[in-house]
Amino acid sequence: MPLTICPDCEREVSDRAPSCPHCGCPMAAQVTERTAKRHKAMQLVGGLVMCVATVMFIAALPHAEEDTTRLGVSMIVGLVGLLIYAGARFAAWWHHG
């Protein structure tokens, strides 16, 4: 078992130790998994599209009896937003990023 020198306390430490047992200094680089910004941005876009669809749907309700096209369009926009959001959530999970 080879020994290395701790950069903080300058004592001998096993090269397999994750941190120095004397001072706690990490001996190996710490890997932190983060979600990529593009996945977070796409989640935000999906959420905003769903919010716009909700506003469109509420605005179309008073005219629902005479024109159902507005309701249909708002529902399609909401579905697109949901798909964007779900896809971004899946991508963030998949990449552990």
PDB file of N, CA and C in Angstrom:
ATOM      1  N   MET A   1       0.851  -1.167   0.000  1.00  0.00           N
ATOM      2  CA  MET A   1       0.000   0.000   0.000  1.00  0.00           C
ATOM      3  C   MET A   1       0.905   1.241   0.000  1.00  0.00           C
ATOM      4  N   PRO A   2       1.015   1.902  -1.160  1.00  0.00           N
ATOM      5  CA  PRO A   2       1.859   3.099  -1.251  1.00  0.00           C
ATOM      6  C   PRO A   2       1.239   4.267  -0.479  1.00  0.00           C
ATOM      7  N   LEU A   3       2.107   5.094   0.023  1.00  0.00           N
ATOM      8  CA  LEU A   3       1.668   6.263   0.770  1.00  0.00           C
ATOM      9  C   LEU A   3       1.977   7.524  -0.024  1.00  0.00           C
ATOM     10  N   THR A   4       1.119   8.517   0.141  1.00  0.00           N
ATOM     11  CA  THR A   4       1.353   9.830  -0.457  1.00  0.00           C
ATOM     12  C   THR A   4       1.358  10.862   0.667  1.00  0.00           C
ATOM     13  N   ILE A   5       1.709  12.062   0.317  1.00  0.00           N
ATOM     14  CA  ILE A   5       1.766  13.146   1.299  1.00  0.00           C
ATOM     15  C   ILE A   5       0.517  14.012   1.145  1.00  0.00           C
ATOM     16  N   CYS A   6      -0.133  14.299   2.256  1.00  0.00           N
ATOM     17  CA  CYS A   6      -1.310  15.170   2.256  1.00  0.00           C
ATOM     18  C   CYS A   6      -0.856  16.592   1.934  1.00  0.00           C
ATOM     19  N   PRO A   7      -1.528  17.274   1.003  1.00  0.00           N
ATOM     20  CA  PRO A   7      -1.105  18.631   0.650  1.00  0.00           C
ATOM     21  C   PRO A   7      -1.364  19.657   1.759  1.00  0.00           C
ATOM     22  N   ASP A   8      -2.276  19.356   2.692  1.00  0.00           N
ATOM     23  CA  ASP A   8      -2.578  20.315   3.763  1.00  0.00           C
ATOM     24  C   ASP A   8      -1.701  20.109   4.997  1.00  0.00           C
ATOM     25  N   CYS A   9      -1.748  18.898   5.577  1.00  0.00           N
ATOM     26  CA  CYS A   9      -1.028  18.672   6.842  1.00  0.00           C
ATOM     27  C   CYS A   9       0.346  18.029   6.632  1.00  0.00           C
ATOM     28  N   GLU A  10       0.649  17.613   5.413  1.00  0.00           N
ATOM     29  CA  GLU A  10       1.937  17.035   5.019  1.00  0.00           C
ATOM     30  C   GLU A  10       2.284  15.753   5.766  1.00  0.00           C
ATOM     31  N   ARG A  11       1.244  14.993   6.153  1.00  0.00           N
ATOM     32  CA  ARG A  11       1.460  13.678   6.754  1.00  0.00           C
ATOM     33  C   ARG A  11       1.263  12.614   5.694  1.00  0.00           C
ATOM     34  N   GLU A  12       1.750  11.412   5.992  1.00  0.00           N
ATOM     35  CA  GLU A  12       1.596  10.313   5.049  1.00  0.00           C
ATOM     36  C   GLU A  12       0.177   9.758   5.109  1.00  0.00           C
ATOM     37  N   VAL A  13      -0.382   9.507   3.902  1.00  0.00           N
ATOM     38  CA  VAL A  13      -1.752   9.013   3.774  1.00  0.00           C
ATOM     39  C   VAL A  13      -1.753   7.942   2.695  1.00  0.00           C
ATOM     40  N   SER A  14      -2.580   6.930   2.857  1.00  0.00           N
ATOM     41  CA  SER A  14      -2.712   5.891   1.843  1.00  0.00           C
ATOM     42  C   SER A  14      -3.191   6.516   0.531  1.00  0.00           C
ATOM     43  N   ASP A  15      -2.678   5.994  -0.581  1.00  0.00           N
ATOM     44  CA  ASP A  15      -3.101   6.534  -1.871  1.00  0.00           C
ATOM     45  C   ASP A  15      -4.541   6.115  -2.224  1.00  0.00           C
ATOM     46  N   ARG A  16      -5.105   5.187  -1.487  1.00  0.00           N
ATOM     47  CA  ARG A  16      -6.486   4.749  -1.715  1.00  0.00           C
ATOM     48  C   ARG A  16      -7.491   5.489  -0.826  1.00  0.00           C
ATOM     49  N   ALA A  17      -7.012   6.288   0.109  1.00  0.00           N
ATOM     50  CA  ALA A  17      -7.901   7.002   1.025  1.00  0.00           C
ATOM     51  C   ALA A  17      -8.611   8.131   0.272  1.00  0.00           C
ATOM     52  N   PRO A  18      -9.941   8.263   0.460  1.00  0.00           N
ATOM     53  CA  PRO A  18     -10.656   9.351  -0.208  1.00  0.00           C
ATOM     54  C   PRO A  18     -10.318  10.720   0.383  1.00  0.00           C
ATOM     55  N   SER A  19      -9.934  10.720   1.674  1.00  0.00           N
ATOM     56  CA  SER A  19      -9.532  11.968   2.323  1.00  0.00           C
ATOM     57  C   SER A  19      -8.492  11.655   3.388  1.00  0.00           C
ATOM     58  N   CYS A  20      -7.793  12.680   3.803  1.00  0.00           N
ATOM     59  CA  CYS A  20      -6.761  12.517   4.835  1.00  0.00           C
ATOM     60  C   CYS A  20      -7.436  12.211   6.169  1.00  0.00           C
ATOM     61  N   PRO A  21      -7.027  11.128   6.847  1.00  0.00           N
ATOM     62  CA  PRO A  21      -7.647  10.809   8.136  1.00  0.00           C
ATOM     63  C   PRO A  21      -7.257  11.791   9.246  1.00  0.00           C
ATOM     64  N   HIS A  22      -6.219  12.581   9.014  1.00  0.00           N
ATOM     65  CA  HIS A  22      -5.744  13.513  10.032  1.00  0.00           C
ATOM     66  C   HIS A  22      -6.462  14.863   9.956  1.00  0.00           C
ATOM     67  N   CYS A  23      -6.546  15.405   8.733  1.00  0.00           N
ATOM     68  CA  CYS A  23      -7.117  16.753   8.601  1.00  0.00           C
ATOM     69  C   CYS A  23      -8.404  16.793   7.767  1.00  0.00           C
ATOM     70  N   GLY A  24      -8.717  15.693   7.062  1.00  0.00           N
ATOM     71  CA  GLY A  24      -9.946  15.637   6.277  1.00  0.00           C
ATOM     72  C   GLY A  24      -9.835  16.197   4.869  1.00  0.00           C
ATOM     73  N   CYS A  25      -8.652  16.568   4.457  1.00  0.00           N
ATOM     74  CA  CYS A  25      -8.457  17.117   3.107  1.00  0.00           C
ATOM     75  C   CYS A  25      -8.780  16.041   2.069  1.00  0.00           C
ATOM     76  N   PRO A  26      -9.596  16.355   1.059  1.00  0.00           N
ATOM     77  CA  PRO A  26      -9.892  15.350   0.031  1.00  0.00           C
ATOM     78  C   PRO A  26      -8.636  15.026  -0.778  1.00  0.00           C
ATOM     79  N   MET A  27      -8.398  13.737  -0.977  1.00  0.00           N
ATOM     80  CA  MET A  27      -7.199  13.304  -1.694  1.00  0.00           C
ATOM     81  C   MET A  27      -7.438  13.149  -3.185  1.00  0.00           C
ATOM     82  N   ALA A  28      -8.687  12.901  -3.571  1.00  0.00           N
ATOM     83  CA  ALA A  28      -9.005  12.739  -4.992  1.00  0.00           C
ATOM     84  C   ALA A  28      -9.980  13.843  -5.386  1.00  0.00           C
ATOM     85  N   ALA A  29     -10.025  14.107  -6.654  1.00  0.00           N
ATOM     86  CA  ALA A  29     -10.957  15.115  -7.145  1.00  0.00           C
ATOM     87  C   ALA A  29     -12.391  14.664  -6.890  1.00  0.00           C
ATOM     88  N   GLN A  30     -13.210  15.565  -6.399  1.00  0.00           N
ATOM     89  CA  GLN A  30     -14.606  15.260  -6.119  1.00  0.00           C
ATOM     90  C   GLN A  30     -15.425  15.481  -7.393  1.00  0.00           C
ATOM     91  N   VAL A  31     -16.226  14.495  -7.754  1.00  0.00           N
ATOM     92  CA  VAL A  31     -17.071  14.598  -8.934  1.00  0.00           C
ATOM     93  C   VAL A  31     -18.484  14.944  -8.477  1.00  0.00           C
ATOM     94  N   THR A  32     -18.988  16.046  -8.955  1.00  0.00           N
ATOM     95  CA  THR A  32     -20.340  16.468  -8.633  1.00  0.00           C
ATOM     96  C   THR A  32     -21.163  16.429  -9.907  1.00  0.00           C
ATOM     97  N   GLU A  33     -22.241  15.654  -9.874  1.00  0.00           N
ATOM     98  CA  GLU A  33     -23.092  15.574 -11.051  1.00  0.00           C
ATOM     99  C   GLU A  33     -24.050  16.748 -11.047  1.00  0.00           C
ATOM    100  N   ARG A  34     -24.172  17.379 -12.207  1.00  0.00           N
ATOM    101  CA  ARG A  34     -25.066  18.516 -12.341  1.00  0.00           C
ATOM    102  C   ARG A  34     -25.923  18.333 -13.584  1.00  0.00           C
ATOM    103  N   THR A  35     -27.108  18.848 -13.503  1.00  0.00           N
ATOM    104  CA  THR A  35     -27.978  18.825 -14.666  1.00  0.00           C
ATOM    105  C   THR A  35     -27.510  19.914 -15.607  1.00  0.00           C
ATOM    106  N   ALA A  36     -27.368  19.564 -16.869  1.00  0.00           N
ATOM    107  CA  ALA A  36     -26.906  20.537 -17.847  1.00  0.00           C
ATOM    108  C   ALA A  36     -27.881  21.700 -17.941  1.00  0.00           C
ATOM    109  N   LYS A  37     -27.338  22.875 -18.217  1.00  0.00           N
ATOM    110  CA  LYS A  37     -28.167  24.071 -18.309  1.00  0.00           C
ATOM    111  C   LYS A  37     -29.177  23.963 -19.441  1.00  0.00           C
ATOM    112  N   ARG A  38     -28.820  23.281 -20.510  1.00  0.00           N
ATOM    113  CA  ARG A  38     -29.768  23.187 -21.625  1.00  0.00           C
ATOM    114  C   ARG A  38     -31.013  22.398 -21.233  1.00  0.00           C
ATOM    115  N   HIS A  39     -30.852  21.384 -20.374  1.00  0.00           N
ATOM    116  CA  HIS A  39     -32.013  20.619 -19.916  1.00  0.00           C
ATOM    117  C   HIS A  39     -32.900  21.474 -19.022  1.00  0.00           C
ATOM    118  N   LYS A  40     -32.266  22.254 -18.157  1.00  0.00           N
ATOM    119  CA  LYS A  40     -33.037  23.146 -17.295  1.00  0.00           C
ATOM    120  C   LYS A  40     -33.737  24.218 -18.123  1.00  0.00           C
ATOM    121  N   ALA A  41     -33.063  24.735 -19.137  1.00  0.00           N
ATOM    122  CA  ALA A  41     -33.676  25.748 -19.995  1.00  0.00           C
ATOM    123  C   ALA A  41     -34.869  25.170 -20.748  1.00  0.00           C
ATOM    124  N   MET A  42     -34.744  23.939 -21.217  1.00  0.00           N
ATOM    125  CA  MET A  42     -35.870  23.326 -21.929  1.00  0.00           C
ATOM    126  C   MET A  42     -37.039  23.053 -20.992  1.00  0.00           C
ATOM    127  N   GLN A  43     -36.769  22.714 -19.742  1.00  0.00           N
ATOM    128  CA  GLN A  43     -37.842  22.549 -18.767  1.00  0.00           C
ATOM    129  C   GLN A  43     -38.558  23.879 -18.554  1.00  0.00           C
ATOM    130  N   LEU A  44     -37.787  24.950 -18.491  1.00  0.00           N
ATOM    131  CA  LEU A  44     -38.373  26.278 -18.327  1.00  0.00           C
ATOM    132  C   LEU A  44     -39.229  26.644 -19.536  1.00  0.00           C
ATOM    133  N   VAL A  45     -38.728  26.364 -20.741  1.00  0.00           N
ATOM    134  CA  VAL A  45     -39.494  26.644 -21.955  1.00  0.00           C
ATOM    135  C   VAL A  45     -40.794  25.844 -21.956  1.00  0.00           C
ATOM    136  N   GLY A  46     -40.720  24.571 -21.613  1.00  0.00           N
ATOM    137  CA  GLY A  46     -41.924  23.740 -21.555  1.00  0.00           C
ATOM    138  C   GLY A  46     -42.938  24.274 -20.558  1.00  0.00           C
ATOM    139  N   GLY A  47     -42.462  24.704 -19.393  1.00  0.00           N
ATOM    140  CA  GLY A  47     -43.349  25.273 -18.384  1.00  0.00           C
ATOM    141  C   GLY A  47     -43.988  26.565 -18.859  1.00  0.00           C
ATOM    142  N   LEU A  48     -43.205  27.409 -19.534  1.00  0.00           N
ATOM    143  CA  LEU A  48     -43.756  28.663 -20.052  1.00  0.00           C
ATOM    144  C   LEU A  48     -44.787  28.414 -21.143  1.00  0.00           C
ATOM    145  N   VAL A  49     -44.533  27.454 -22.003  1.00  0.00           N
ATOM    146  CA  VAL A  49     -45.504  27.120 -23.060  1.00  0.00           C
ATOM    147  C   VAL A  49     -46.804  26.616 -22.431  1.00  0.00           C
ATOM    148  N   MET A  50     -46.692  25.814 -21.373  1.00  0.00           N
ATOM    149  CA  MET A  50     -47.907  25.341 -20.701  1.00  0.00           C
ATOM    150  C   MET A  50     -48.659  26.500 -20.042  1.00  0.00           C
ATOM    151  N   CYS A  51     -47.934  27.476 -19.503  1.00  0.00           N
ATOM    152  CA  CYS A  51     -48.588  28.656 -18.922  1.00  0.00           C
ATOM    153  C   CYS A  51     -49.314  29.463 -19.992  1.00  0.00           C
ATOM    154  N   VAL A  52     -48.679  29.638 -21.146  1.00  0.00           N
ATOM    155  CA  VAL A  52     -49.320  30.350 -22.250  1.00  0.00           C
ATOM    156  C   VAL A  52     -50.569  29.600 -22.700  1.00  0.00           C
ATOM    157  N   ALA A  53     -50.492  28.288 -22.768  1.00  0.00           N
ATOM    158  CA  ALA A  53     -51.645  27.484 -23.168  1.00  0.00           C
ATOM    159  C   ALA A  53     -52.785  27.627 -22.167  1.00  0.00           C
ATOM    160  N   THR A  54     -52.452  27.704 -20.882  1.00  0.00           N
ATOM    161  CA  THR A  54     -53.488  27.883 -19.859  1.00  0.00           C
ATOM    162  C   THR A  54     -54.192  29.230 -20.030  1.00  0.00           C
ATOM    163  N   VAL A  55     -53.415  30.275 -20.280  1.00  0.00           N
ATOM    164  CA  VAL A  55     -54.007  31.600 -20.506  1.00  0.00           C
ATOM    165  C   VAL A  55     -54.873  31.581 -21.769  1.00  0.00           C
ATOM    166  N   MET A  56     -54.383  30.931 -22.813  1.00  0.00           N
ATOM    167  CA  MET A  56     -55.167  30.832 -24.054  1.00  0.00           C
ATOM    168  C   MET A  56     -56.480  30.089 -23.816  1.00  0.00           C
ATOM    169  N   PHE A  57     -56.415  29.025 -23.030  1.00  0.00           N
ATOM    170  CA  PHE A  57     -57.607  28.230 -22.754  1.00  0.00           C
ATOM    171  C   PHE A  57     -58.630  29.044 -21.968  1.00  0.00           C
ATOM    172  N   ILE A  58     -58.165  29.747 -20.940  1.00  0.00           N
ATOM    173  CA  ILE A  58     -59.071  30.566 -20.129  1.00  0.00           C
ATOM    174  C   ILE A  58     -59.683  31.688 -20.969  1.00  0.00           C
ATOM    175  N   ALA A  59     -58.883  32.285 -21.857  1.00  0.00           N
ATOM    176  CA  ALA A  59     -59.395  33.349 -22.719  1.00  0.00           C
ATOM    177  C   ALA A  59     -60.407  32.816 -23.725  1.00  0.00           C
ATOM    178  N   ALA A  60     -60.293  31.554 -24.117  1.00  0.00           N
ATOM    179  CA  ALA A  60     -61.194  30.975 -25.117  1.00  0.00           C
ATOM    180  C   ALA A  60     -62.496  30.461 -24.501  1.00  0.00           C
ATOM    181  N   LEU A  61     -62.559  30.307 -23.189  1.00  0.00           N
ATOM    182  CA  LEU A  61     -63.763  29.759 -22.559  1.00  0.00           C
ATOM    183  C   LEU A  61     -65.040  30.566 -22.825  1.00  0.00           C
ATOM    184  N   PRO A  62     -65.015  31.899 -22.751  1.00  0.00           N
ATOM    185  CA  PRO A  62     -66.260  32.632 -23.011  1.00  0.00           C
ATOM    186  C   PRO A  62     -66.784  32.458 -24.440  1.00  0.00           C
ATOM    187  N   HIS A  63     -65.926  32.123 -25.380  1.00  0.00           N
ATOM    188  CA  HIS A  63     -66.304  31.973 -26.781  1.00  0.00           C
ATOM    189  C   HIS A  63     -66.423  30.506 -27.182  1.00  0.00           C
ATOM    190  N   ALA A  64     -66.467  29.600 -26.218  1.00  0.00           N
ATOM    191  CA  ALA A  64     -66.405  28.168 -26.504  1.00  0.00           C
ATOM    192  C   ALA A  64     -67.610  27.663 -27.287  1.00  0.00           C
ATOM    193  N   GLU A  65     -68.769  28.224 -27.046  1.00  0.00           N
ATOM    194  CA  GLU A  65     -69.969  27.730 -27.733  1.00  0.00           C
ATOM    195  C   GLU A  65     -69.970  28.078 -29.217  1.00  0.00           C
ATOM    196  N   GLU A  66     -69.447  29.244 -29.552  1.00  0.00           N
ATOM    197  CA  GLU A  66     -69.488  29.651 -30.961  1.00  0.00           C
ATOM    198  C   GLU A  66     -68.228  29.293 -31.743  1.00  0.00           C
ATOM    199  N   ASP A  67     -67.097  29.136 -31.036  1.00  0.00           N
ATOM    200  CA  ASP A  67     -65.837  28.844 -31.737  1.00  0.00           C
ATOM    201  C   ASP A  67     -64.999  27.893 -30.886  1.00  0.00           C
ATOM    202  N   THR A  68     -64.971  26.635 -31.263  1.00  0.00           N
ATOM    203  CA  THR A  68     -64.187  25.646 -30.511  1.00  0.00           C
ATOM    204  C   THR A  68     -62.748  25.556 -30.996  1.00  0.00           C
ATOM    205  N   THR A  69     -62.421  26.265 -32.039  1.00  0.00           N
ATOM    206  CA  THR A  69     -61.066  26.215 -32.586  1.00  0.00           C
ATOM    207  C   THR A  69     -60.053  26.737 -31.572  1.00  0.00           C
ATOM    208  N   ARG A  70     -60.419  27.807 -30.888  1.00  0.00           N
ATOM    209  CA  ARG A  70     -59.494  28.379 -29.897  1.00  0.00           C
ATOM    210  C   ARG A  70     -59.189  27.386 -28.783  1.00  0.00           C
ATOM    211  N   LEU A  71     -60.211  26.675 -28.344  1.00  0.00           N
ATOM    212  CA  LEU A  71     -59.976  25.670 -27.304  1.00  0.00           C
ATOM    213  C   LEU A  71     -59.050  24.570 -27.807  1.00  0.00           C
ATOM    214  N   GLY A  72     -59.281  24.132 -29.031  1.00  0.00           N
ATOM    215  CA  GLY A  72     -58.436  23.079 -29.607  1.00  0.00           C
ATOM    216  C   GLY A  72     -56.995  23.515 -29.742  1.00  0.00           C
ATOM    217  N   VAL A  73     -56.791  24.752 -30.206  1.00  0.00           N
ATOM    218  CA  VAL A  73     -55.427  25.260 -30.363  1.00  0.00           C
ATOM    219  C   VAL A  73     -54.742  25.368 -29.003  1.00  0.00           C
ATOM    220  N   SER A  74     -55.462  25.864 -28.003  1.00  0.00           N
ATOM    221  CA  SER A  74     -54.840  25.993 -26.674  1.00  0.00           C
ATOM    222  C   SER A  74     -54.510  24.627 -26.091  1.00  0.00           C
ATOM    223  N   MET A  75     -55.334  23.630 -26.356  1.00  0.00           N
ATOM    224  CA  MET A  75     -55.044  22.283 -25.864  1.00  0.00           C
ATOM    225  C   MET A  75     -53.821  21.689 -26.572  1.00  0.00           C
ATOM    226  N   ILE A  76     -53.688  21.949 -27.863  1.00  0.00           N
ATOM    227  CA  ILE A  76     -52.515  21.459 -28.604  1.00  0.00           C
ATOM    228  C   ILE A  76     -51.245  22.142 -28.109  1.00  0.00           C
ATOM    229  N   VAL A  77     -51.325  23.458 -27.887  1.00  0.00           N
ATOM    230  CA  VAL A  77     -50.167  24.191 -27.367  1.00  0.00           C
ATOM    231  C   VAL A  77     -49.785  23.643 -25.979  1.00  0.00           C
ATOM    232  N   GLY A  78     -50.777  23.366 -25.153  1.00  0.00           N
ATOM    233  CA  GLY A  78     -50.504  22.794 -23.837  1.00  0.00           C
ATOM    234  C   GLY A  78     -49.847  21.428 -23.923  1.00  0.00           C
ATOM    235  N   LEU A  79     -50.310  20.614 -24.866  1.00  0.00           N
ATOM    236  CA  LEU A  79     -49.715  19.292 -25.055  1.00  0.00           C
ATOM    237  C   LEU A  79     -48.271  19.402 -25.532  1.00  0.00           C
ATOM    238  N   VAL A  80     -48.008  20.339 -26.427  1.00  0.00           N
ATOM    239  CA  VAL A  80     -46.631  20.554 -26.902  1.00  0.00           C
ATOM    240  C   VAL A  80     -45.740  20.985 -25.729  1.00  0.00           C
ATOM    241  N   GLY A  81     -46.243  21.889 -24.901  1.00  0.00           N
ATOM    242  CA  GLY A  81     -45.479  22.316 -23.728  1.00  0.00           C
ATOM    243  C   GLY A  81     -45.202  21.167 -22.779  1.00  0.00           C
ATOM    244  N   LEU A  82     -46.198  20.331 -22.575  1.00  0.00           N
ATOM    245  CA  LEU A  82     -46.024  19.171 -21.706  1.00  0.00           C
ATOM    246  C   LEU A  82     -44.984  18.207 -22.274  1.00  0.00           C
ATOM    247  N   LEU A  83     -45.009  17.994 -23.574  1.00  0.00           N
ATOM    248  CA  LEU A  83     -44.028  17.107 -24.203  1.00  0.00           C
ATOM    249  C   LEU A  83     -42.615  17.678 -24.105  1.00  0.00           C
ATOM    250  N   ILE A  84     -42.480  18.991 -24.294  1.00  0.00           N
ATOM    251  CA  ILE A  84     -41.165  19.623 -24.162  1.00  0.00           C
ATOM    252  C   ILE A  84     -40.651  19.457 -22.737  1.00  0.00           C
ATOM    253  N   TYR A  85     -41.510  19.747 -21.773  1.00  0.00           N
ATOM    254  CA  TYR A  85     -41.111  19.635 -20.367  1.00  0.00           C
ATOM    255  C   TYR A  85     -40.750  18.193 -20.007  1.00  0.00           C
ATOM    256  N   ALA A  86     -41.592  17.247 -20.392  1.00  0.00           N
ATOM    257  CA  ALA A  86     -41.333  15.840 -20.070  1.00  0.00           C
ATOM    258  C   ALA A  86     -40.069  15.341 -20.754  1.00  0.00           C
ATOM    259  N   GLY A  87     -39.859  15.755 -21.988  1.00  0.00           N
ATOM    260  CA  GLY A  87     -38.640  15.357 -22.697  1.00  0.00           C
ATOM    261  C   GLY A  87     -37.389  15.892 -22.028  1.00  0.00           C
ATOM    262  N   ALA A  88     -37.446  17.139 -21.573  1.00  0.00           N
ATOM    263  CA  ALA A  88     -36.294  17.729 -20.892  1.00  0.00           C
ATOM    264  C   ALA A  88     -36.047  17.055 -19.548  1.00  0.00           C
ATOM    265  N   ARG A  89     -37.108  16.709 -18.827  1.00  0.00           N
ATOM    266  CA  ARG A  89     -36.947  16.001 -17.553  1.00  0.00           C
ATOM    267  C   ARG A  89     -36.305  14.634 -17.785  1.00  0.00           C
ATOM    268  N   PHE A  90     -36.766  13.939 -18.835  1.00  0.00           N
ATOM    269  CA  PHE A  90     -36.201  12.631 -19.154  1.00  0.00           C
ATOM    270  C   PHE A  90     -34.728  12.767 -19.537  1.00  0.00           C
ATOM    271  N   ALA A  91     -34.400  13.773 -20.344  1.00  0.00           N
ATOM    272  CA  ALA A  91     -33.008  13.977 -20.760  1.00  0.00           C
ATOM    273  C   ALA A  91     -32.125  14.285 -19.559  1.00  0.00           C
ATOM    274  N   ALA A  92     -32.620  15.091 -18.623  1.00  0.00           N
ATOM    275  CA  ALA A  92     -31.841  15.402 -17.426  1.00  0.00           C
ATOM    276  C   ALA A  92     -31.612  14.137 -16.598  1.00  0.00           C
ATOM    277  N   TRP A  93     -32.636  13.309 -16.498  1.00  0.00           N
ATOM    278  CA  TRP A  93     -32.484  12.056 -15.754  1.00  0.00           C
ATOM    279  C   TRP A  93     -31.523  11.109 -16.479  1.00  0.00           C
ATOM    280  N   TRP A  94     -31.662  11.021 -17.787  1.00  0.00           N
ATOM    281  CA  TRP A  94     -30.870  10.090 -18.577  1.00  0.00           C
ATOM    282  C   TRP A  94     -29.380  10.420 -18.495  1.00  0.00           C
ATOM    283  N   HIS A  95     -29.056  11.681 -18.560  1.00  0.00           N
ATOM    284  CA  HIS A  95     -27.650  12.093 -18.579  1.00  0.00           C
ATOM    285  C   HIS A  95     -27.066  12.274 -17.184  1.00  0.00           C
ATOM    286  N   HIS A  96     -27.879  12.134 -16.157  1.00  0.00           N
ATOM    287  CA  HIS A  96     -27.439  12.324 -14.774  1.00  0.00           C
ATOM    288  C   HIS A  96     -26.731  13.644 -14.626  1.00  0.00           C
ATOM    289  N   GLY A  97     -26.849  14.473 -15.622  1.00  0.00           N
ATOM    290  CA  GLY A  97     -26.073  15.668 -15.773  1.00  0.00           C
ATOM    291  C   GLY A  97     -26.373  16.743 -14.898  1.00  0.00           C
TER     292      GLY A  97
END
